[in-house]
Amino acid sequence: MRVQAYQIADSIDVKGFKNSFNAAAHFSDNDETFYVTGHDQFIYVFKYGVVSFLNYEADKIAGLIQFLKPFCKNYSEFKLSEEFEIETGKKEIRFGYNKIEITNPNVEVVRLIMLNVSQSVALDHYYEITNKLLVETSLQTQYLERKGKLHISGRNLMKYIGRTLNLKSNIAENLYIFDAPPETWEDEELNKIDVGLKKTFDLQVRFRHIQESLQIIKDNFELFKDIMQYRSSYVLEIIIVVLILIEVVNLLIERIG
């Protein structure tokens, strides 16, 4: 059994897809929807732009992704993806490189595996966005070091700050890296699988790295904002001093005249 997960957009309208897809969801809420579409075939769609398939051929996957396209925000042809193998009928649960061995492939086990694979792909997506912001921040700090001034407008700076805050919010809202899904709370096997998969994909380590990078970006942009405000205040003070001098000169000229 093979899981294939793809980041196809910044976000997916889960409700719109669910209303249009001709199948009954096994599980669904505002953020995700999960389908059993055939014998050992499953589809999992997430609000954060990821869709995951189990035991689907490439042509079927391509067709379903095209079906999803109208429900996507900022659809991407260059899809991040991840594959993961599930070996069933084993005596115990074991984790390997890009695979898991399980005893019983029931629906909840499959769903949990697909969830973790999808979260891994989403982390790759958020890492790419974060890295671009980090590079842009680094260019500004290098320019500041060389020239002693910033090379960015106040409007663009506020856009960067807003993008960073939105990204932090989206990650916190959509990824359940530190919280175990409710289904694992009373099921020892599901909990073992969830903990093992998080370690296999290094989800928590990768999540912390992104969060730390975003904090660095936010701190830098806040510093840039303070510098720009100081610069604006300094210019304003100069203008006020010049205006006062002009007024004094005018008064002197009037008195002399």
Protein backbone atom coordinates (compact mmCIF):
# COMPACT_ATOMS: atom_id res chain seq x y z
CA MET A 1 0.00 0.00 0.00
CA ARG A 2 1.40 3.38 -1.01
CA VAL A 3 0.48 6.85 0.26
CA GLN A 4 1.12 9.79 -2.09
CA ALA A 5 0.61 13.31 -0.75
CA TYR A 6 0.79 16.53 -2.77
CA GLN A 7 0.86 20.22 -1.86
CA ILE A 8 -1.21 21.62 -4.74
CA ALA A 9 -2.20 25.08 -3.43
CA ASP A 10 -1.93 27.55 -0.57
CA SER A 11 -5.39 26.42 0.54
CA ILE A 12 -8.33 24.29 -0.59
CA ASP A 13 -12.01 25.05 -0.15
CA VAL A 14 -12.84 21.80 1.64
CA LYS A 15 -16.56 22.54 1.90
CA GLY A 16 -16.86 23.39 -1.80
CA PHE A 17 -15.01 20.23 -2.81
CA LYS A 18 -17.12 18.08 -0.49
CA ASN A 19 -20.34 19.44 -1.97
CA SER A 20 -19.15 18.65 -5.50
CA PHE A 21 -17.42 15.30 -4.98
CA ASN A 22 -19.66 12.33 -5.71
CA ALA A 23 -18.88 10.24 -2.63
CA ALA A 24 -19.83 10.09 1.03
CA ALA A 25 -17.13 11.27 3.40
CA HIS A 26 -16.01 8.83 6.09
CA PHE A 27 -14.87 11.81 8.17
CA SER A 28 -15.22 15.52 7.54
CA ASP A 29 -15.03 18.91 9.27
CA ASN A 30 -14.22 22.47 8.21
CA ASP A 31 -10.50 21.72 7.82
CA GLU A 32 -10.34 18.28 6.22
CA THR A 33 -12.37 15.56 4.55
CA PHE A 34 -11.51 11.85 4.25
CA TYR A 35 -13.00 9.34 1.81
CA VAL A 36 -13.00 5.57 1.42
CA THR A 37 -13.44 5.34 -2.35
CA GLY A 38 -12.88 1.66 -3.00
CA HIS A 39 -11.19 -1.48 -1.77
CA ASP A 40 -8.10 -0.18 0.05
CA GLN A 41 -8.41 3.15 -1.75
CA PHE A 42 -8.61 6.44 0.14
CA ILE A 43 -8.50 10.21 -0.47
CA TYR A 44 -7.72 12.83 2.16
CA VAL A 45 -8.15 16.58 1.41
CA PHE A 46 -6.87 19.32 3.73
CA LYS A 47 -7.66 23.02 3.98
CA TYR A 48 -3.96 23.89 3.99
CA GLY A 49 -3.61 22.83 0.35
CA VAL A 50 -2.60 19.18 0.61
CA VAL A 51 -4.36 16.17 -0.92
CA SER A 52 -3.29 12.62 -0.10
CA PHE A 53 -4.06 9.36 -1.94
CA LEU A 54 -3.69 5.71 -0.99
CA ASN A 55 -3.40 3.03 -3.69
CA TYR A 56 -4.14 5.32 -6.63
CA GLU A 57 -2.49 5.14 -10.04
CA ALA A 58 -0.83 8.23 -11.51
CA ASP A 59 -3.57 8.90 -14.12
CA LYS A 60 -6.32 8.75 -11.50
CA ILE A 61 -4.36 11.07 -9.21
CA ALA A 62 -3.88 13.56 -12.05
CA GLY A 63 -7.61 13.49 -12.81
CA LEU A 64 -8.61 14.04 -9.19
CA ILE A 65 -6.13 16.90 -8.80
CA GLN A 66 -7.67 18.55 -11.86
CA PHE A 67 -11.09 18.09 -10.25
CA LEU A 68 -9.75 19.83 -7.14
CA LYS A 69 -8.24 22.74 -9.07
CA PRO A 70 -11.35 25.04 -9.01
CA PHE A 71 -11.41 24.78 -5.21
CA CYS A 72 -7.76 25.80 -4.84
CA LYS A 73 -6.34 29.19 -3.88
CA ASN A 74 -3.03 29.83 -5.67
CA TYR A 75 -2.92 26.43 -7.38
CA SER A 76 0.61 25.30 -8.18
CA GLU A 77 1.73 23.14 -11.11
CA PHE A 78 5.05 22.52 -9.34
CA LYS A 79 3.77 20.28 -6.61
CA LEU A 80 5.71 19.30 -3.49
CA SER A 81 5.05 15.64 -2.80
CA GLU A 82 5.95 12.69 -0.60
CA GLU A 83 5.49 8.94 -0.92
CA PHE A 84 5.21 6.50 1.96
CA GLU A 85 4.85 2.72 1.96
CA ILE A 86 2.56 0.73 4.26
CA GLU A 87 3.32 -2.95 4.75
CA THR A 88 0.48 -4.90 6.33
CA GLY A 89 0.03 -8.25 8.04
CA LYS A 90 3.11 -7.87 10.25
CA LYS A 91 3.44 -9.20 13.78
CA GLU A 92 4.19 -5.79 15.26
CA ILE A 93 4.38 -2.12 14.37
CA ARG A 94 7.77 -1.08 13.02
CA PHE A 95 9.02 2.10 11.38
CA GLY A 96 11.57 2.25 8.57
CA TYR A 97 12.84 4.67 5.96
CA ASN A 98 9.74 5.96 4.17
CA LYS A 99 7.67 3.02 5.34
CA ILE A 100 5.71 1.59 8.23
CA GLU A 101 4.91 -2.04 9.06
CA ILE A 102 1.52 -2.57 10.72
CA THR A 103 -0.59 -5.46 11.89
CA ASN A 104 -4.08 -4.32 10.97
CA PRO A 105 -4.78 -1.82 8.18
CA ASN A 106 -8.13 -0.57 9.49
CA VAL A 107 -9.57 2.74 8.32
CA GLU A 108 -8.46 4.78 11.35
CA VAL A 109 -4.89 3.50 11.10
CA VAL A 110 -4.78 4.37 7.40
CA ARG A 111 -6.26 7.80 8.04
CA LEU A 112 -3.67 8.54 10.74
CA ILE A 113 -0.80 7.54 8.46
CA MET A 114 -2.14 9.69 5.61
CA LEU A 115 -2.54 12.61 8.03
CA ASN A 116 1.11 12.46 9.11
CA VAL A 117 2.40 12.14 5.53
CA SER A 118 0.29 15.16 4.57
CA GLN A 119 1.59 17.17 7.50
CA SER A 120 5.14 16.38 6.37
CA VAL A 121 4.43 17.75 2.88
CA ALA A 122 2.79 20.86 4.40
CA LEU A 123 5.94 21.46 6.47
CA ASP A 124 8.01 21.34 3.26
CA HIS A 125 5.68 23.97 1.79
CA TYR A 126 5.90 26.24 4.84
CA TYR A 127 9.67 25.77 4.93
CA GLU A 128 9.98 27.00 1.34
CA ILE A 129 7.91 30.12 2.08
CA THR A 130 9.85 30.79 5.30
CA ASN A 131 13.18 30.35 3.55
CA LYS A 132 12.23 32.92 0.88
CA LEU A 133 11.31 35.42 3.59
CA LEU A 134 14.57 34.67 5.40
CA VAL A 135 16.57 35.34 2.22
CA GLU A 136 14.74 38.64 1.66
CA THR A 137 15.41 39.66 5.26
CA SER A 138 19.09 38.74 4.90
CA LEU A 139 19.41 40.94 1.80
CA GLN A 140 18.04 43.89 3.78
CA THR A 141 20.40 43.33 6.72
CA GLN A 142 23.38 43.04 4.33
CA TYR A 143 22.41 46.31 2.65
CA LEU A 144 22.01 47.94 6.06
CA GLU A 145 25.50 46.74 7.02
CA ARG A 146 27.09 48.05 3.79
CA LYS A 147 25.21 51.33 3.35
CA GLY A 148 24.08 52.17 6.85
CA LYS A 149 20.50 52.54 5.66
CA LEU A 150 17.52 50.42 4.58
CA HIS A 151 16.62 49.65 0.99
CA ILE A 152 12.90 49.06 1.45
CA SER A 153 9.81 51.26 1.48
CA GLY A 154 7.54 51.52 4.51
CA ARG A 155 4.66 49.99 2.55
CA ASN A 156 6.66 46.93 1.49
CA LEU A 157 8.00 46.54 5.01
CA MET A 158 4.49 46.38 6.43
CA LYS A 159 3.57 43.81 3.77
CA TYR A 160 6.49 41.61 4.86
CA ILE A 161 5.48 41.91 8.50
CA GLY A 162 1.88 41.02 7.62
CA ARG A 163 3.00 38.02 5.54
CA THR A 164 5.16 36.75 8.39
CA LEU A 165 2.36 37.07 10.95
CA ASN A 166 -0.14 35.37 8.62
CA LEU A 167 2.27 32.52 7.98
CA LYS A 168 2.82 31.98 11.72
CA SER A 169 -0.93 32.00 12.23
CA ASN A 170 -1.58 29.54 9.38
CA ILE A 171 1.02 27.08 10.66
CA ALA A 172 -0.33 27.21 14.21
CA GLU A 173 -3.90 26.82 12.98
CA ASN A 174 -3.41 24.02 10.46
CA LEU A 175 -0.67 21.74 11.76
CA TYR A 176 -1.16 19.42 14.72
CA ILE A 177 2.50 18.63 15.26
CA PHE A 178 2.48 18.66 19.05
CA ASP A 179 -1.15 17.65 19.64
CA ALA A 180 -2.13 14.04 19.11
CA PRO A 181 -5.37 13.57 17.14
CA PRO A 182 -8.38 12.80 19.39
CA GLU A 183 -8.62 9.27 17.95
CA THR A 184 -5.28 8.37 19.56
CA TRP A 185 -6.23 9.32 23.11
CA GLU A 186 -7.91 6.03 23.98
CA ASP A 187 -6.28 3.71 21.45
CA GLU A 188 -2.79 2.51 22.34
CA GLU A 189 -2.03 1.25 18.83
CA LEU A 190 -3.05 4.54 17.16
CA ASN A 191 -1.04 6.52 19.71
CA LYS A 192 2.05 4.38 19.05
CA ILE A 193 1.67 4.91 15.30
CA ASP A 194 1.18 8.66 15.69
CA VAL A 195 4.24 9.09 17.96
CA GLY A 196 6.37 6.88 15.70
CA LEU A 197 5.39 8.71 12.51
CA LYS A 198 6.12 12.11 14.05
CA LYS A 199 9.64 10.84 14.82
CA THR A 200 10.02 9.24 11.39
CA PHE A 201 9.20 12.49 9.61
CA ASP A 202 11.00 14.69 12.19
CA LEU A 203 7.81 16.74 12.32
CA GLN A 204 8.46 18.44 15.64
CA VAL A 205 12.09 19.30 14.83
CA ARG A 206 11.13 20.72 11.43
CA PHE A 207 8.21 22.61 12.95
CA ARG A 208 10.45 24.23 15.59
CA HIS A 209 12.99 25.20 12.92
CA ILE A 210 10.29 26.99 10.90
CA GLN A 211 8.93 28.72 14.00
CA GLU A 212 12.41 29.88 15.03
CA SER A 213 13.12 31.18 11.51
CA LEU A 214 9.82 33.06 11.46
CA GLN A 215 10.64 34.63 14.81
CA ILE A 216 14.02 35.81 13.45
CA ILE A 217 12.28 37.26 10.39
CA LYS A 218 9.66 39.00 12.54
CA ASP A 219 12.31 40.44 14.89
CA ASN A 220 14.34 41.76 11.95
CA PHE A 221 11.35 43.40 10.31
CA GLU A 222 10.31 44.95 13.62
CA LEU A 223 13.84 46.35 13.92
CA PHE A 224 13.59 47.74 10.38
CA LYS A 225 10.29 49.36 11.32
CA ASP A 226 11.86 51.00 14.37
CA ILE A 227 14.75 52.30 12.25
CA MET A 228 12.31 53.76 9.72
CA GLN A 229 10.25 55.37 12.46
CA TYR A 230 13.40 56.86 13.99
CA ARG A 231 14.46 58.12 10.56
CA SER A 232 11.02 59.66 10.02
CA SER A 233 11.11 61.28 13.46
CA TYR A 234 14.61 62.66 12.80
CA VAL A 235 13.56 64.12 9.44
CA LEU A 236 10.47 65.63 11.05
CA GLU A 237 12.62 67.24 13.75
CA ILE A 238 14.92 68.73 11.09
CA ILE A 239 11.91 70.11 9.21
CA ILE A 240 10.54 71.68 12.40
CA VAL A 241 13.93 73.25 13.21
CA VAL A 242 14.20 74.63 9.67
CA LEU A 243 10.67 76.08 9.86
CA ILE A 244 11.46 77.72 13.20
CA LEU A 245 14.66 79.23 11.76
CA ILE A 246 12.73 80.55 8.77
CA GLU A 247 10.16 82.10 11.09
CA VAL A 248 12.93 83.71 13.20
CA VAL A 249 14.63 85.08 10.09
CA ASN A 250 11.31 86.51 8.87
CA LEU A 251 10.74 88.20 12.22
CA LEU A 252 14.24 89.68 12.15
CA ILE A 253 13.74 90.97 8.62
CA GLU A 254 10.41 92.56 9.60
CA ARG A 255 12.00 94.30 12.61
CA ILE A 256 15.00 95.53 10.65
CA GLY A 257 12.71 96.72 7.89
